[in-house]
């Protein structure tokens, strides 16, 4: 399992939206995103205010909105690009060490 240390706010937001794609209760999101209750409340308020999450009062679950899902799709595209360039940078650094 990946270490959760030093996650960026963007990574945490993406993690919450991923968990809430199909709907999830507060405790499930908080537990799976590995957030304290206080930190979770801040992110929940932000995501609700920005219309990235909505609350389904019938199911009593939070669910990612279309806006939230669009963010998540773009986040995953960015991460793929970031990983590609991280690998290229590593190869360049290794090549420079040989010189």
PDB file of N, CA and C in Angstrom:
ATOM      1  N   UNK A   1       0.838  -1.179   0.000  1.00  0.00           N
ATOM      2  CA  UNK A   1       0.000   0.000   0.000  1.00  0.00           C
ATOM      3  C   UNK A   1       0.884   1.243   0.000  1.00  0.00           C
ATOM      4  N   UNK A   2       0.483   2.248  -0.787  1.00  0.00           N
ATOM      5  CA  UNK A   2       1.258   3.470  -0.886  1.00  0.00           C
ATOM      6  C   UNK A   2       1.212   4.247   0.422  1.00  0.00           C
ATOM      7  N   UNK A   3       2.298   4.934   0.697  1.00  0.00           N
ATOM      8  CA  UNK A   3       2.337   5.808   1.867  1.00  0.00           C
ATOM      9  C   UNK A   3       1.439   7.015   1.623  1.00  0.00           C
ATOM     10  N   UNK A   4       0.748   7.441   2.631  1.00  0.00           N
ATOM     11  CA  UNK A   4      -0.153   8.585   2.511  1.00  0.00           C
ATOM     12  C   UNK A   4       0.485   9.866   3.041  1.00  0.00           C
ATOM     13  N   UNK A   5       1.781   9.828   3.335  1.00  0.00           N
ATOM     14  CA  UNK A   5       2.449  10.999   3.886  1.00  0.00           C
ATOM     15  C   UNK A   5       2.581  12.079   2.830  1.00  0.00           C
ATOM     16  N   UNK A   6       2.449  13.312   3.280  1.00  0.00           N
ATOM     17  CA  UNK A   6       2.686  14.477   2.437  1.00  0.00           C
ATOM     18  C   UNK A   6       1.838  14.511   1.168  1.00  0.00           C
ATOM     19  N   UNK A   7       0.598  14.104   1.267  1.00  0.00           N
ATOM     20  CA  UNK A   7      -0.292  14.224   0.117  1.00  0.00           C
ATOM     21  C   UNK A   7      -0.645  15.687  -0.093  1.00  0.00           C
ATOM     22  N   UNK A   8      -0.769  16.063  -1.332  1.00  0.00           N
ATOM     23  CA  UNK A   8      -1.195  17.433  -1.621  1.00  0.00           C
ATOM     24  C   UNK A   8      -2.711  17.528  -1.436  1.00  0.00           C
ATOM     25  N   UNK A   9      -3.195  18.748  -1.325  1.00  0.00           N
ATOM     26  CA  UNK A   9      -4.643  18.959  -1.225  1.00  0.00           C
ATOM     27  C   UNK A   9      -5.352  18.393  -2.449  1.00  0.00           C
ATOM     28  N   UNK A  10      -4.728  18.547  -3.605  1.00  0.00           N
ATOM     29  CA  UNK A  10      -5.318  18.032  -4.848  1.00  0.00           C
ATOM     30  C   UNK A  10      -5.433  16.511  -4.779  1.00  0.00           C
ATOM     31  N   UNK A  11      -4.404  15.848  -4.266  1.00  0.00           N
ATOM     32  CA  UNK A  11      -4.441  14.388  -4.132  1.00  0.00           C
ATOM     33  C   UNK A  11      -5.544  13.956  -3.169  1.00  0.00           C
ATOM     34  N   UNK A  12      -5.709  14.685  -2.088  1.00  0.00           N
ATOM     35  CA  UNK A  12      -6.752  14.354  -1.114  1.00  0.00           C
ATOM     36  C   UNK A  12      -8.134  14.565  -1.721  1.00  0.00           C
ATOM     37  N   UNK A  13      -8.309  15.656  -2.442  1.00  0.00           N
ATOM     38  CA  UNK A  13      -9.590  15.925  -3.103  1.00  0.00           C
ATOM     39  C   UNK A  13      -9.909  14.810  -4.091  1.00  0.00           C
ATOM     40  N   UNK A  14      -8.927  14.425  -4.895  1.00  0.00           N
ATOM     41  CA  UNK A  14      -9.140  13.350  -5.868  1.00  0.00           C
ATOM     42  C   UNK A  14      -9.484  12.043  -5.164  1.00  0.00           C
ATOM     43  N   UNK A  15      -8.823  11.766  -4.057  1.00  0.00           N
ATOM     44  CA  UNK A  15      -9.088  10.551  -3.288  1.00  0.00           C
ATOM     45  C   UNK A  15     -10.528  10.542  -2.770  1.00  0.00           C
ATOM     46  N   UNK A  16     -10.975  11.659  -2.227  1.00  0.00           N
ATOM     47  CA  UNK A  16     -12.349  11.762  -1.726  1.00  0.00           C
ATOM     48  C   UNK A  16     -13.348  11.559  -2.861  1.00  0.00           C
ATOM     49  N   UNK A  17     -13.111  12.202  -3.991  1.00  0.00           N
ATOM     50  CA  UNK A  17     -14.025  12.069  -5.133  1.00  0.00           C
ATOM     51  C   UNK A  17     -14.046  10.639  -5.666  1.00  0.00           C
ATOM     52  N   UNK A  18     -12.898   9.996  -5.682  1.00  0.00           N
ATOM     53  CA  UNK A  18     -12.821   8.595  -6.130  1.00  0.00           C
ATOM     54  C   UNK A  18     -13.669   7.709  -5.222  1.00  0.00           C
ATOM     55  N   UNK A  19     -13.561   7.908  -3.933  1.00  0.00           N
ATOM     56  CA  UNK A  19     -14.330   7.119  -2.962  1.00  0.00           C
ATOM     57  C   UNK A  19     -15.823   7.377  -3.126  1.00  0.00           C
ATOM     58  N   UNK A  20     -16.178   8.627  -3.432  1.00  0.00           N
ATOM     59  CA  UNK A  20     -17.588   9.023  -3.508  1.00  0.00           C
ATOM     60  C   UNK A  20     -18.187   8.906  -4.911  1.00  0.00           C
ATOM     61  N   UNK A  21     -17.468   8.296  -5.844  1.00  0.00           N
ATOM     62  CA  UNK A  21     -17.986   8.181  -7.220  1.00  0.00           C
ATOM     63  C   UNK A  21     -19.379   7.567  -7.262  1.00  0.00           C
ATOM     64  N   UNK A  22     -19.567   6.493  -6.546  1.00  0.00           N
ATOM     65  CA  UNK A  22     -20.851   5.788  -6.564  1.00  0.00           C
ATOM     66  C   UNK A  22     -21.665   6.036  -5.299  1.00  0.00           C
ATOM     67  N   UNK A  23     -21.220   6.976  -4.492  1.00  0.00           N
ATOM     68  CA  UNK A  23     -21.913   7.305  -3.255  1.00  0.00           C
ATOM     69  C   UNK A  23     -21.263   6.628  -2.064  1.00  0.00           C
ATOM     70  N   UNK A  24     -21.060   7.392  -1.008  1.00  0.00           N
ATOM     71  CA  UNK A  24     -20.447   6.851   0.209  1.00  0.00           C
ATOM     72  C   UNK A  24     -20.857   7.709   1.400  1.00  0.00           C
ATOM     73  N   UNK A  25     -20.948   7.060   2.540  1.00  0.00           N
ATOM     74  CA  UNK A  25     -21.271   7.781   3.772  1.00  0.00           C
ATOM     75  C   UNK A  25     -20.024   8.473   4.301  1.00  0.00           C
ATOM     76  N   UNK A  26     -20.262   9.463   5.175  1.00  0.00           N
ATOM     77  CA  UNK A  26     -19.166  10.259   5.744  1.00  0.00           C
ATOM     78  C   UNK A  26     -18.053   9.400   6.331  1.00  0.00           C
ATOM     79  N   UNK A  27     -18.432   8.452   7.168  1.00  0.00           N
ATOM     80  CA  UNK A  27     -17.408   7.659   7.859  1.00  0.00           C
ATOM     81  C   UNK A  27     -16.577   6.832   6.883  1.00  0.00           C
ATOM     82  N   UNK A  28     -17.206   6.330   5.838  1.00  0.00           N
ATOM     83  CA  UNK A  28     -16.473   5.545   4.836  1.00  0.00           C
ATOM     84  C   UNK A  28     -15.452   6.424   4.116  1.00  0.00           C
ATOM     85  N   UNK A  29     -15.889   7.607   3.712  1.00  0.00           N
ATOM     86  CA  UNK A  29     -14.975   8.525   3.026  1.00  0.00           C
ATOM     87  C   UNK A  29     -13.817   8.894   3.944  1.00  0.00           C
ATOM     88  N   UNK A  30     -14.147   9.271   5.165  1.00  0.00           N
ATOM     89  CA  UNK A  30     -13.135   9.689   6.127  1.00  0.00           C
ATOM     90  C   UNK A  30     -12.125   8.565   6.381  1.00  0.00           C
ATOM     91  N   UNK A  31     -12.620   7.349   6.550  1.00  0.00           N
ATOM     92  CA  UNK A  31     -11.762   6.196   6.832  1.00  0.00           C
ATOM     93  C   UNK A  31     -10.878   5.859   5.628  1.00  0.00           C
ATOM     94  N   UNK A  32     -11.486   5.732   4.454  1.00  0.00           N
ATOM     95  CA  UNK A  32     -10.717   5.339   3.270  1.00  0.00           C
ATOM     96  C   UNK A  32      -9.754   6.432   2.807  1.00  0.00           C
ATOM     97  N   UNK A  33     -10.111   7.689   3.050  1.00  0.00           N
ATOM     98  CA  UNK A  33      -9.222   8.792   2.676  1.00  0.00           C
ATOM     99  C   UNK A  33      -8.176   9.055   3.756  1.00  0.00           C
ATOM    100  N   UNK A  34      -8.301   8.344   4.875  1.00  0.00           N
ATOM    101  CA  UNK A  34      -7.348   8.460   5.980  1.00  0.00           C
ATOM    102  C   UNK A  34      -7.231   9.904   6.482  1.00  0.00           C
ATOM    103  N   UNK A  35      -8.399  10.500   6.798  1.00  0.00           N
ATOM    104  CA  UNK A  35      -8.446  11.881   7.270  1.00  0.00           C
ATOM    105  C   UNK A  35      -9.009  11.945   8.679  1.00  0.00           C
ATOM    106  N   UNK A  36      -8.505  12.884   9.458  1.00  0.00           N
ATOM    107  CA  UNK A  36      -9.109  13.147  10.766  1.00  0.00           C
ATOM    108  C   UNK A  36     -10.490  13.762  10.520  1.00  0.00           C
ATOM    109  N   UNK A  37     -11.328  13.723  11.526  1.00  0.00           N
ATOM    110  CA  UNK A  37     -12.673  14.283  11.384  1.00  0.00           C
ATOM    111  C   UNK A  37     -12.610  15.778  11.071  1.00  0.00           C
ATOM    112  N   UNK A  38     -11.728  16.503  11.745  1.00  0.00           N
ATOM    113  CA  UNK A  38     -11.610  17.951  11.520  1.00  0.00           C
ATOM    114  C   UNK A  38     -11.167  18.258  10.092  1.00  0.00           C
ATOM    115  N   UNK A  39     -10.174  17.542   9.615  1.00  0.00           N
ATOM    116  CA  UNK A  39      -9.695  17.756   8.252  1.00  0.00           C
ATOM    117  C   UNK A  39     -10.757  17.336   7.243  1.00  0.00           C
ATOM    118  N   UNK A  40     -11.419  16.234   7.518  1.00  0.00           N
ATOM    119  CA  UNK A  40     -12.483  15.773   6.631  1.00  0.00           C
ATOM    120  C   UNK A  40     -13.579  16.830   6.505  1.00  0.00           C
ATOM    121  N   UNK A  41     -13.973  17.444   7.614  1.00  0.00           N
ATOM    122  CA  UNK A  41     -15.029  18.469   7.582  1.00  0.00           C
ATOM    123  C   UNK A  41     -14.642  19.637   6.677  1.00  0.00           C
ATOM    124  N   UNK A  42     -13.368  20.041   6.723  1.00  0.00           N
ATOM    125  CA  UNK A  42     -12.899  21.146   5.881  1.00  0.00           C
ATOM    126  C   UNK A  42     -12.988  20.784   4.399  1.00  0.00           C
ATOM    127  N   UNK A  43     -12.522  19.577   4.069  1.00  0.00           N
ATOM    128  CA  UNK A  43     -12.582  19.148   2.669  1.00  0.00           C
ATOM    129  C   UNK A  43     -14.023  18.954   2.210  1.00  0.00           C
ATOM    130  N   UNK A  44     -14.853  18.399   3.053  1.00  0.00           N
ATOM    131  CA  UNK A  44     -16.258  18.189   2.709  1.00  0.00           C
ATOM    132  C   UNK A  44     -16.934  19.525   2.417  1.00  0.00           C
ATOM    133  N   UNK A  45     -16.717  20.508   3.269  1.00  0.00           N
ATOM    134  CA  UNK A  45     -17.311  21.834   3.058  1.00  0.00           C
ATOM    135  C   UNK A  45     -16.825  22.426   1.739  1.00  0.00           C
ATOM    136  N   UNK A  46     -15.524  22.347   1.493  1.00  0.00           N
ATOM    137  CA  UNK A  46     -14.961  22.880   0.254  1.00  0.00           C
ATOM    138  C   UNK A  46     -15.586  22.207  -0.969  1.00  0.00           C
ATOM    139  N   UNK A  47     -15.634  20.876  -0.948  1.00  0.00           N
ATOM    140  CA  UNK A  47     -16.156  20.133  -2.100  1.00  0.00           C
ATOM    141  C   UNK A  47     -17.648  20.375  -2.310  1.00  0.00           C
ATOM    142  N   UNK A  48     -18.389  20.538  -1.238  1.00  0.00           N
ATOM    143  CA  UNK A  48     -19.820  20.846  -1.349  1.00  0.00           C
ATOM    144  C   UNK A  48     -20.009  22.275  -1.878  1.00  0.00           C
ATOM    145  N   UNK A  49     -19.229  23.223  -1.344  1.00  0.00           N
ATOM    146  CA  UNK A  49     -19.325  24.622  -1.787  1.00  0.00           C
ATOM    147  C   UNK A  49     -18.979  24.779  -3.259  1.00  0.00           C
ATOM    148  N   UNK A  50     -18.034  23.985  -3.733  1.00  0.00           N
ATOM    149  CA  UNK A  50     -17.588  24.058  -5.135  1.00  0.00           C
ATOM    150  C   UNK A  50     -18.419  23.165  -6.058  1.00  0.00           C
ATOM    151  N   UNK A  51     -19.413  22.506  -5.502  1.00  0.00           N
ATOM    152  CA  UNK A  51     -20.302  21.625  -6.268  1.00  0.00           C
ATOM    153  C   UNK A  51     -19.561  20.433  -6.886  1.00  0.00           C
ATOM    154  N   UNK A  52     -18.575  19.908  -6.162  1.00  0.00           N
ATOM    155  CA  UNK A  52     -17.880  18.691  -6.583  1.00  0.00           C
ATOM    156  C   UNK A  52     -18.520  17.462  -5.942  1.00  0.00           C
ATOM    157  N   UNK A  53     -19.184  17.678  -4.827  1.00  0.00           N
ATOM    158  CA  UNK A  53     -19.904  16.617  -4.110  1.00  0.00           C
ATOM    159  C   UNK A  53     -21.322  17.090  -3.837  1.00  0.00           C
ATOM    160  N   UNK A  54     -22.238  16.129  -3.797  1.00  0.00           N
ATOM    161  CA  UNK A  54     -23.617  16.434  -3.399  1.00  0.00           C
ATOM    162  C   UNK A  54     -24.058  15.393  -2.384  1.00  0.00           C
ATOM    163  N   UNK A  55     -25.053  15.765  -1.597  1.00  0.00           N
ATOM    164  CA  UNK A  55     -25.565  14.855  -0.580  1.00  0.00           C
ATOM    165  C   UNK A  55     -26.907  14.313  -1.030  1.00  0.00           C
ATOM    166  N   UNK A  56     -27.034  12.997  -1.039  1.00  0.00           N
ATOM    167  CA  UNK A  56     -28.297  12.332  -1.357  1.00  0.00           C
ATOM    168  C   UNK A  56     -28.997  12.044  -0.034  1.00  0.00           C
ATOM    169  N   UNK A  57     -30.034  12.825   0.257  1.00  0.00           N
ATOM    170  CA  UNK A  57     -30.706  12.696   1.558  1.00  0.00           C
ATOM    171  C   UNK A  57     -31.524  11.413   1.663  1.00  0.00           C
ATOM    172  N   UNK A  58     -31.877  10.811   0.545  1.00  0.00           N
ATOM    173  CA  UNK A  58     -32.618   9.545   0.578  1.00  0.00           C
ATOM    174  C   UNK A  58     -31.672   8.401   0.952  1.00  0.00           C
ATOM    175  N   UNK A  59     -30.546   8.318   0.248  1.00  0.00           N
ATOM    176  CA  UNK A  59     -29.567   7.259   0.539  1.00  0.00           C
ATOM    177  C   UNK A  59     -28.649   7.625   1.702  1.00  0.00           C
ATOM    178  N   UNK A  60     -28.670   8.895   2.090  1.00  0.00           N
ATOM    179  CA  UNK A  60     -27.795   9.406   3.153  1.00  0.00           C
ATOM    180  C   UNK A  60     -26.319   9.170   2.812  1.00  0.00           C
ATOM    181  N   UNK A  61     -25.991   9.511   1.556  1.00  0.00           N
ATOM    182  CA  UNK A  61     -24.628   9.339   1.064  1.00  0.00           C
ATOM    183  C   UNK A  61     -24.187  10.581   0.306  1.00  0.00           C
ATOM    184  N   UNK A  62     -22.870  10.768   0.268  1.00  0.00           N
ATOM    185  CA  UNK A  62     -22.271  11.821  -0.542  1.00  0.00           C
ATOM    186  C   UNK A  62     -21.853  11.195  -1.865  1.00  0.00           C
ATOM    187  N   UNK A  63     -22.055  11.955  -2.930  1.00  0.00           N
ATOM    188  CA  UNK A  63     -21.743  11.434  -4.258  1.00  0.00           C
ATOM    189  C   UNK A  63     -21.054  12.522  -5.078  1.00  0.00           C
ATOM    190  N   UNK A  64     -20.067  12.122  -5.855  1.00  0.00           N
ATOM    191  CA  UNK A  64     -19.380  13.055  -6.743  1.00  0.00           C
ATOM    192  C   UNK A  64     -20.355  13.530  -7.817  1.00  0.00           C
ATOM    193  N   UNK A  65     -20.357  14.832  -8.075  1.00  0.00           N
ATOM    194  CA  UNK A  65     -21.198  15.405  -9.125  1.00  0.00           C
ATOM    195  C   UNK A  65     -20.488  15.245 -10.466  1.00  0.00           C
ATOM    196  N   UNK A  66     -21.150  15.644 -11.542  1.00  0.00           N
ATOM    197  CA  UNK A  66     -20.499  15.622 -12.852  1.00  0.00           C
ATOM    198  C   UNK A  66     -19.262  16.517 -12.851  1.00  0.00           C
ATOM    199  N   UNK A  67     -19.361  17.649 -12.174  1.00  0.00           N
ATOM    200  CA  UNK A  67     -18.209  18.550 -12.060  1.00  0.00           C
ATOM    201  C   UNK A  67     -17.064  17.856 -11.315  1.00  0.00           C
ATOM    202  N   UNK A  68     -17.395  17.141 -10.260  1.00  0.00           N
ATOM    203  CA  UNK A  68     -16.388  16.397  -9.511  1.00  0.00           C
ATOM    204  C   UNK A  68     -15.771  15.282 -10.340  1.00  0.00           C
ATOM    205  N   UNK A  69     -16.601  14.597 -11.116  1.00  0.00           N
ATOM    206  CA  UNK A  69     -16.104  13.514 -11.973  1.00  0.00           C
ATOM    207  C   UNK A  69     -15.214  14.057 -13.086  1.00  0.00           C
ATOM    208  N   UNK A  70     -15.561  15.246 -13.622  1.00  0.00           N
ATOM    209  CA  UNK A  70     -14.705  15.885 -14.629  1.00  0.00           C
ATOM    210  C   UNK A  70     -13.343  16.225 -14.037  1.00  0.00           C
ATOM    211  N   UNK A  71     -13.352  16.753 -12.813  1.00  0.00           N
ATOM    212  CA  UNK A  71     -12.095  17.050 -12.129  1.00  0.00           C
ATOM    213  C   UNK A  71     -11.262  15.780 -11.988  1.00  0.00           C
ATOM    214  N   UNK A  72     -11.908  14.701 -11.569  1.00  0.00           N
ATOM    215  CA  UNK A  72     -11.223  13.433 -11.343  1.00  0.00           C
ATOM    216  C   UNK A  72     -10.613  12.897 -12.639  1.00  0.00           C
ATOM    217  N   UNK A  73     -11.346  13.006 -13.726  1.00  0.00           N
ATOM    218  CA  UNK A  73     -10.842  12.558 -15.030  1.00  0.00           C
ATOM    219  C   UNK A  73      -9.591  13.353 -15.416  1.00  0.00           C
ATOM    220  N   UNK A  74      -9.641  14.668 -15.245  1.00  0.00           N
ATOM    221  CA  UNK A  74      -8.486  15.506 -15.569  1.00  0.00           C
ATOM    222  C   UNK A  74      -7.318  15.258 -14.620  1.00  0.00           C
ATOM    223  N   UNK A  75      -7.616  14.985 -13.379  1.00  0.00           N
ATOM    224  CA  UNK A  75      -6.578  14.660 -12.392  1.00  0.00           C
ATOM    225  C   UNK A  75      -5.820  13.402 -12.832  1.00  0.00           C
ATOM    226  N   UNK A  76      -6.550  12.382 -13.249  1.00  0.00           N
ATOM    227  CA  UNK A  76      -5.899  11.134 -13.675  1.00  0.00           C
ATOM    228  C   UNK A  76      -5.067  11.346 -14.941  1.00  0.00           C
ATOM    229  N   UNK A  77      -5.541  12.179 -15.861  1.00  0.00           N
ATOM    230  CA  UNK A  77      -4.753  12.500 -17.059  1.00  0.00           C
ATOM    231  C   UNK A  77      -3.443  13.180 -16.658  1.00  0.00           C
ATOM    232  N   UNK A  78      -3.557  14.145 -15.758  1.00  0.00           N
ATOM    233  CA  UNK A  78      -2.370  14.863 -15.295  1.00  0.00           C
ATOM    234  C   UNK A  78      -1.384  13.917 -14.628  1.00  0.00           C
ATOM    235  N   UNK A  79      -1.870  13.012 -13.792  1.00  0.00           N
ATOM    236  CA  UNK A  79      -0.990  12.084 -13.077  1.00  0.00           C
ATOM    237  C   UNK A  79      -0.231  11.180 -14.048  1.00  0.00           C
ATOM    238  N   UNK A  80      -0.893  10.767 -15.135  1.00  0.00           N
ATOM    239  CA  UNK A  80      -0.208   9.947 -16.140  1.00  0.00           C
ATOM    240  C   UNK A  80       0.934  10.728 -16.781  1.00  0.00           C
ATOM    241  N   UNK A  81       0.663  11.980 -17.123  1.00  0.00           N
ATOM    242  CA  UNK A  81       1.692  12.829 -17.730  1.00  0.00           C
ATOM    243  C   UNK A  81       2.826  13.066 -16.742  1.00  0.00           C
ATOM    244  N   UNK A  82       2.468  13.349 -15.494  1.00  0.00           N
ATOM    245  CA  UNK A  82       3.468  13.585 -14.453  1.00  0.00           C
ATOM    246  C   UNK A  82       4.378  12.364 -14.285  1.00  0.00           C
ATOM    247  N   UNK A  83       3.794  11.184 -14.274  1.00  0.00           N
ATOM    248  CA  UNK A  83       4.573   9.952 -14.107  1.00  0.00           C
ATOM    249  C   UNK A  83       5.525   9.739 -15.288  1.00  0.00           C
ATOM    250  N   UNK A  84       5.034  10.024 -16.492  1.00  0.00           N
ATOM    251  CA  UNK A  84       5.869   9.884 -17.686  1.00  0.00           C
ATOM    252  C   UNK A  84       7.107  10.777 -17.572  1.00  0.00           C
ATOM    253  N   UNK A  85       6.900  12.028 -17.196  1.00  0.00           N
ATOM    254  CA  UNK A  85       8.027  12.951 -17.091  1.00  0.00           C
ATOM    255  C   UNK A  85       8.917  12.655 -15.895  1.00  0.00           C
ATOM    256  N   UNK A  86       8.348  12.109 -14.859  1.00  0.00           N
ATOM    257  CA  UNK A  86       9.161  11.713 -13.699  1.00  0.00           C
ATOM    258  C   UNK A  86      10.131  10.594 -14.115  1.00  0.00           C
ATOM    259  N   UNK A  87       9.635   9.634 -14.908  1.00  0.00           N
ATOM    260  CA  UNK A  87      10.498   8.545 -15.386  1.00  0.00           C
ATOM    261  C   UNK A  87      11.593   9.077 -16.307  1.00  0.00           C
ATOM    262  N   UNK A  88      11.224  10.017 -17.182  1.00  0.00           N
ATOM    263  CA  UNK A  88      12.215  10.591 -18.094  1.00  0.00           C
ATOM    264  C   UNK A  88      13.281  11.364 -17.326  1.00  0.00           C
ATOM    265  N   UNK A  89      12.862  12.101 -16.312  1.00  0.00           N
ATOM    266  CA  UNK A  89      13.807  12.854 -15.494  1.00  0.00           C
ATOM    267  C   UNK A  89      14.753  11.911 -14.756  1.00  0.00           C
ATOM    268  N   UNK A  90      14.222  10.811 -14.256  1.00  0.00           N
ATOM    269  CA  UNK A  90      15.053   9.824 -13.563  1.00  0.00           C
ATOM    270  C   UNK A  90      16.101   9.247 -14.514  1.00  0.00           C
ATOM    271  N   UNK A  91      15.682   8.942 -15.741  1.00  0.00           N
ATOM    272  CA  UNK A  91      16.613   8.393 -16.728  1.00  0.00           C
ATOM    273  C   UNK A  91      17.713   9.403 -17.057  1.00  0.00           C
ATOM    274  N   UNK A  92      17.353  10.665 -17.157  1.00  0.00           N
ATOM    275  CA  UNK A  92      18.344  11.712 -17.440  1.00  0.00           C
ATOM    276  C   UNK A  92      19.338  11.824 -16.285  1.00  0.00           C
ATOM    277  N   UNK A  93      18.820  11.823 -15.059  1.00  0.00           N
ATOM    278  CA  UNK A  93      19.702  11.912 -13.886  1.00  0.00           C
ATOM    279  C   UNK A  93      20.655  10.724 -13.825  1.00  0.00           C
ATOM    280  N   UNK A  94      20.148   9.529 -14.123  1.00  0.00           N
ATOM    281  CA  UNK A  94      20.999   8.334 -14.118  1.00  0.00           C
ATOM    282  C   UNK A  94      22.062   8.427 -15.201  1.00  0.00           C
ATOM    283  N   UNK A  95      21.688   8.938 -16.371  1.00  0.00           N
ATOM    284  CA  UNK A  95      22.649   9.091 -17.465  1.00  0.00           C
ATOM    285  C   UNK A  95      23.730  10.100 -17.094  1.00  0.00           C
ATOM    286  N   UNK A  96      23.360  11.151 -16.404  1.00  0.00           N
ATOM    287  CA  UNK A  96      24.338  12.165 -15.998  1.00  0.00           C
ATOM    288  C   UNK A  96      25.308  11.626 -14.956  1.00  0.00           C
ATOM    289  N   UNK A  97      24.857  10.697 -14.131  1.00  0.00           N
ATOM    290  CA  UNK A  97      25.731  10.116 -13.106  1.00  0.00           C
ATOM    291  C   UNK A  97      26.808   9.243 -13.737  1.00  0.00           C
ATOM    292  N   UNK A  98      26.519   8.681 -14.899  1.00  0.00           N
ATOM    293  CA  UNK A  98      27.481   7.835 -15.609  1.00  0.00           C
ATOM    294  C   UNK A  98      28.621   8.687 -16.167  1.00  0.00           C
ATOM    295  N   UNK A  99      28.297   9.912 -16.559  1.00  0.00           N
ATOM    296  CA  UNK A  99      29.313  10.793 -17.174  1.00  0.00           C
ATOM    297  C   UNK A  99      30.390  11.192 -16.217  1.00  0.00           C
TER     298      UNK A  99
END
